[in-house]
Structure formats: C-alpha cells, structure tokens
Amino acid sequence: MAVSGPDIAIKAADITLMRGDLNSVADAIIISRIKMNLFFAFIYNTVGIPIAAIG
C-alpha cells in the first residue's frame, strides 16, 4: 500500500482541517483559551482559599 503526500501530512500535523472554513480554527483557539483560564482559576482557588483560611 503506497502512502501519498497528503496522508503523511495528515499524520504529521497537530491539527487537520476537515473543512475549508478557517473560522472554526479561530473558534477552537478562543474555546481553548477559555478552558485554560478556567483550569488555572480552579487551581488558583483550590490552593488560595485554604491558605487564606489558615491565616
């Protein structure tokens, strides 16, 4: 079975666009930033609130 150039590119890529719509890439970046901010806020509060309660 021969492997073509696009197949190699798809396997090597971090992200593969299934459609030609680049707006979905911008939406994915925005959503990932929101998720990352929520994660860091959760960690900050998990560590900060007990420290504030102690003293």
N, C-alpha and C. Protein backbone atom coordinates (compact mmCIF):
# COMPACT_ATOMS: atom_id res chain seq x y z
N MET A 1 0.85 -1.18 0.00
CA MET A 1 0.00 0.00 0.00
C MET A 1 0.89 1.24 0.00
N ALA A 2 0.72 2.06 -0.98
CA ALA A 2 1.52 3.28 -1.10
C ALA A 2 0.91 4.39 -0.24
N VAL A 3 1.78 5.16 0.35
CA VAL A 3 1.34 6.29 1.17
C VAL A 3 1.60 7.56 0.38
N SER A 4 0.55 8.38 0.23
CA SER A 4 0.69 9.60 -0.55
C SER A 4 1.10 10.77 0.33
N GLY A 5 1.45 11.86 -0.30
CA GLY A 5 1.88 13.06 0.42
C GLY A 5 0.86 13.60 1.39
N PRO A 6 -0.41 13.74 0.98
CA PRO A 6 -1.41 14.25 1.93
C PRO A 6 -1.60 13.34 3.14
N ASP A 7 -1.47 12.03 2.95
CA ASP A 7 -1.60 11.11 4.08
C ASP A 7 -0.50 11.34 5.10
N ILE A 8 0.71 11.55 4.62
CA ILE A 8 1.84 11.81 5.52
C ILE A 8 1.63 13.14 6.25
N ALA A 9 1.15 14.14 5.53
CA ALA A 9 0.92 15.45 6.14
C ALA A 9 -0.16 15.38 7.21
N ILE A 10 -1.21 14.61 6.96
CA ILE A 10 -2.29 14.47 7.94
C ILE A 10 -1.79 13.79 9.20
N LYS A 11 -0.97 12.76 9.04
CA LYS A 11 -0.46 12.04 10.20
C LYS A 11 0.57 12.85 10.98
N ALA A 12 1.29 13.74 10.32
CA ALA A 12 2.32 14.54 10.98
C ALA A 12 1.75 15.82 11.60
N ALA A 13 0.57 16.22 11.19
CA ALA A 13 0.02 17.51 11.65
C ALA A 13 -0.55 17.41 13.06
N ASP A 14 -0.47 18.53 13.79
CA ASP A 14 -1.11 18.61 15.10
C ASP A 14 -2.61 18.82 14.94
N ILE A 15 -2.99 19.56 13.92
CA ILE A 15 -4.40 19.83 13.64
C ILE A 15 -4.65 19.56 12.16
N THR A 16 -5.75 18.89 11.88
CA THR A 16 -6.13 18.63 10.50
C THR A 16 -7.49 19.27 10.24
N LEU A 17 -7.55 20.13 9.24
CA LEU A 17 -8.82 20.77 8.89
C LEU A 17 -9.63 19.83 8.02
N MET A 18 -10.84 19.56 8.44
CA MET A 18 -11.71 18.68 7.67
C MET A 18 -12.56 19.48 6.69
N ARG A 19 -12.66 20.78 6.93
CA ARG A 19 -13.38 21.68 6.04
C ARG A 19 -12.48 22.85 5.70
N GLY A 20 -12.85 23.61 4.71
CA GLY A 20 -12.07 24.77 4.31
C GLY A 20 -12.37 26.02 5.11
N ASP A 21 -13.20 25.90 6.14
CA ASP A 21 -13.63 27.05 6.94
C ASP A 21 -12.59 27.36 8.01
N LEU A 22 -11.91 28.50 7.88
CA LEU A 22 -10.89 28.88 8.85
C LEU A 22 -11.48 29.54 10.09
N ASN A 23 -12.75 29.92 10.05
CA ASN A 23 -13.39 30.50 11.24
C ASN A 23 -13.46 29.50 12.37
N SER A 24 -13.59 28.22 12.05
CA SER A 24 -13.65 27.21 13.10
C SER A 24 -12.32 27.09 13.83
N VAL A 25 -11.22 27.41 13.16
CA VAL A 25 -9.91 27.41 13.82
C VAL A 25 -9.86 28.53 14.86
N ALA A 26 -10.34 29.70 14.50
CA ALA A 26 -10.38 30.81 15.45
C ALA A 26 -11.28 30.48 16.63
N ASP A 27 -12.42 29.85 16.37
CA ASP A 27 -13.32 29.45 17.45
C ASP A 27 -12.65 28.43 18.38
N ALA A 28 -11.92 27.50 17.81
CA ALA A 28 -11.22 26.49 18.62
C ALA A 28 -10.17 27.14 19.51
N ILE A 29 -9.47 28.13 18.99
CA ILE A 29 -8.46 28.84 19.79
C ILE A 29 -9.12 29.59 20.94
N ILE A 30 -10.22 30.26 20.67
CA ILE A 30 -10.93 31.01 21.71
C ILE A 30 -11.44 30.06 22.79
N ILE A 31 -12.03 28.95 22.39
CA ILE A 31 -12.56 27.98 23.36
C ILE A 31 -11.43 27.38 24.18
N SER A 32 -10.30 27.09 23.55
CA SER A 32 -9.18 26.52 24.30
C SER A 32 -8.62 27.51 25.31
N ARG A 33 -8.61 28.79 24.98
CA ARG A 33 -8.15 29.81 25.93
C ARG A 33 -9.11 29.92 27.11
N ILE A 34 -10.40 29.84 26.84
CA ILE A 34 -11.38 29.88 27.92
C ILE A 34 -11.20 28.69 28.85
N LYS A 35 -11.02 27.50 28.27
CA LYS A 35 -10.83 26.30 29.09
C LYS A 35 -9.55 26.40 29.91
N MET A 36 -8.49 26.92 29.32
CA MET A 36 -7.22 27.05 30.03
C MET A 36 -7.37 28.04 31.18
N ASN A 37 -8.06 29.16 30.96
CA ASN A 37 -8.27 30.14 32.02
C ASN A 37 -9.11 29.56 33.15
N LEU A 38 -10.13 28.78 32.82
CA LEU A 38 -10.95 28.15 33.86
C LEU A 38 -10.13 27.16 34.67
N PHE A 39 -9.26 26.42 34.01
CA PHE A 39 -8.40 25.45 34.70
C PHE A 39 -7.49 26.17 35.69
N PHE A 40 -6.82 27.23 35.25
CA PHE A 40 -5.90 27.95 36.13
C PHE A 40 -6.66 28.65 37.26
N ALA A 41 -7.86 29.14 37.00
CA ALA A 41 -8.66 29.75 38.06
C ALA A 41 -9.05 28.70 39.10
N PHE A 42 -9.37 27.50 38.66
CA PHE A 42 -9.71 26.42 39.59
C PHE A 42 -8.52 26.07 40.46
N ILE A 43 -7.35 25.93 39.86
CA ILE A 43 -6.13 25.61 40.62
C ILE A 43 -5.81 26.74 41.60
N TYR A 44 -5.89 27.97 41.14
CA TYR A 44 -5.60 29.13 41.99
C TYR A 44 -6.53 29.15 43.20
N ASN A 45 -7.81 28.92 42.97
CA ASN A 45 -8.77 28.93 44.07
C ASN A 45 -8.59 27.72 44.98
N THR A 46 -8.25 26.58 44.42
CA THR A 46 -8.03 25.38 45.22
C THR A 46 -6.85 25.57 46.17
N VAL A 47 -5.84 26.25 45.72
CA VAL A 47 -4.66 26.50 46.56
C VAL A 47 -4.86 27.73 47.42
N GLY A 48 -5.43 28.78 46.88
CA GLY A 48 -5.52 30.06 47.57
C GLY A 48 -6.52 30.11 48.71
N ILE A 49 -7.67 29.50 48.54
CA ILE A 49 -8.70 29.57 49.58
C ILE A 49 -8.26 28.88 50.87
N PRO A 50 -7.69 27.67 50.82
CA PRO A 50 -7.21 27.08 52.08
C PRO A 50 -6.09 27.89 52.73
N ILE A 51 -5.21 28.47 51.94
CA ILE A 51 -4.14 29.30 52.50
C ILE A 51 -4.73 30.54 53.18
N ALA A 52 -5.74 31.15 52.55
CA ALA A 52 -6.39 32.32 53.14
C ALA A 52 -7.15 31.94 54.42
N ALA A 53 -7.73 30.75 54.44
CA ALA A 53 -8.47 30.31 55.62
C ALA A 53 -7.54 30.03 56.80
N ILE A 54 -6.33 29.55 56.50
CA ILE A 54 -5.37 29.25 57.56
C ILE A 54 -4.85 30.53 58.20
N GLY A 55 -4.62 31.51 57.37
CA GLY A 55 -4.14 32.67 58.05
C GLY A 55 -3.51 33.70 57.26
